[in-house]
């Protein structure tokens, strides 16, 4: 029991990450996942509509099949549907 208390967790700060550190993390994740700067990804999410249904939703996501690239901007409804179709492509065809 005592070992569990002494172990440090990556969640040890209970979500009190400083805004500067969080911004650095977001910049890194955007570059790694999409190959975009944070400003570019924010701009795309705010200005683009879904590339499947054409709607603008509260939450737009960047679709990335291969890490470091992005295929487009999708609404929160089309994104999981596209994933489902890709996963079951052989059954659909």
Protein backbone atom coordinates (compact mmCIF):
# COMPACT_ATOMS: atom_id res chain seq x y z
CA UNK A 1 0.00 0.00 0.00
CA UNK A 2 2.81 2.38 0.82
CA UNK A 3 4.41 1.89 -2.62
CA UNK A 4 1.26 3.15 -4.28
CA UNK A 5 1.41 6.37 -2.30
CA UNK A 6 5.06 6.98 -3.07
CA UNK A 7 4.69 6.42 -6.82
CA UNK A 8 4.46 9.60 -8.83
CA UNK A 9 1.72 9.76 -11.39
CA UNK A 10 1.63 11.87 -14.51
CA UNK A 11 -1.65 13.14 -13.08
CA UNK A 12 -0.06 14.18 -9.79
CA UNK A 13 -0.83 17.86 -10.31
CA UNK A 14 -4.57 17.08 -10.50
CA UNK A 15 -5.12 18.97 -13.72
CA UNK A 16 -3.38 22.16 -12.66
CA UNK A 17 -1.10 22.35 -15.68
CA UNK A 18 0.01 25.90 -16.28
CA UNK A 19 -1.45 27.66 -19.33
CA UNK A 20 2.02 28.03 -20.83
CA UNK A 21 2.74 24.32 -20.52
CA UNK A 22 -0.68 23.42 -21.96
CA UNK A 23 -0.07 25.72 -24.93
CA UNK A 24 3.30 24.07 -25.54
CA UNK A 25 1.64 20.65 -25.41
CA UNK A 26 -1.06 21.70 -27.88
CA UNK A 27 1.52 23.09 -30.30
CA UNK A 28 3.50 19.84 -30.15
CA UNK A 29 0.41 17.63 -30.58
CA UNK A 30 -0.83 19.63 -33.57
CA UNK A 31 2.53 19.45 -35.32
CA UNK A 32 2.89 15.72 -34.55
CA UNK A 33 -0.66 14.64 -35.39
CA UNK A 34 -1.57 16.92 -38.27
CA UNK A 35 1.61 18.60 -39.50
CA UNK A 36 -0.02 21.96 -38.73
CA UNK A 37 0.78 24.80 -36.40
CA UNK A 38 -1.68 25.44 -33.58
CA UNK A 39 -2.82 28.62 -35.29
CA UNK A 40 -3.46 26.77 -38.58
CA UNK A 41 -5.54 24.08 -36.89
CA UNK A 42 -7.60 26.63 -34.94
CA UNK A 43 -8.21 28.60 -38.14
CA UNK A 44 -9.34 25.47 -40.04
CA UNK A 45 -11.68 24.37 -37.26
CA UNK A 46 -13.25 27.81 -36.95
CA UNK A 47 -13.69 28.62 -40.65
CA UNK A 48 -14.24 25.34 -42.48
CA UNK A 49 -17.41 23.29 -42.67
CA UNK A 50 -17.52 19.49 -42.68
CA UNK A 51 -16.06 18.05 -45.86
CA UNK A 52 -18.60 15.22 -45.88
CA UNK A 53 -21.96 16.77 -44.98
CA UNK A 54 -21.12 20.46 -45.46
CA UNK A 55 -22.48 21.46 -42.04
CA UNK A 56 -20.77 23.64 -39.47
CA UNK A 57 -20.89 22.15 -35.96
CA UNK A 58 -19.87 23.37 -32.53
CA UNK A 59 -17.02 20.88 -32.50
CA UNK A 60 -15.07 20.39 -35.68
CA UNK A 61 -12.23 17.86 -35.77
CA UNK A 62 -9.22 17.43 -37.99
CA UNK A 63 -9.30 14.06 -39.70
CA UNK A 64 -5.90 12.40 -39.79
CA UNK A 65 -5.41 8.90 -41.14
CA UNK A 66 -1.61 8.99 -41.10
CA UNK A 67 0.12 10.82 -38.21
CA UNK A 68 1.65 14.09 -39.39
CA UNK A 69 -0.93 14.66 -42.12
CA UNK A 70 -4.54 15.69 -42.25
CA UNK A 71 -7.23 14.77 -44.74
CA UNK A 72 -9.77 17.42 -43.93
CA UNK A 73 -12.12 18.94 -41.40
CA UNK A 74 -15.09 16.89 -40.19
CA UNK A 75 -18.00 17.52 -37.86
CA UNK A 76 -18.27 15.46 -34.70
CA UNK A 77 -20.96 13.26 -36.30
CA UNK A 78 -19.25 12.42 -39.59
CA UNK A 79 -15.87 11.66 -38.02
CA UNK A 80 -16.90 8.41 -36.22
CA UNK A 81 -19.08 7.39 -39.16
CA UNK A 82 -16.15 7.68 -41.53
CA UNK A 83 -14.08 5.57 -39.14
CA UNK A 84 -16.81 2.92 -39.06
CA UNK A 85 -17.03 2.79 -42.86
CA UNK A 86 -13.26 2.48 -43.17
CA UNK A 87 -13.18 -0.32 -40.60
CA UNK A 88 -15.94 -2.27 -42.35
CA UNK A 89 -14.98 -1.49 -45.95
CA UNK A 90 -14.73 -5.16 -46.98
CA UNK A 91 -18.25 -5.94 -45.72
CA UNK A 92 -19.72 -2.87 -47.43
CA UNK A 93 -18.11 -3.66 -50.79
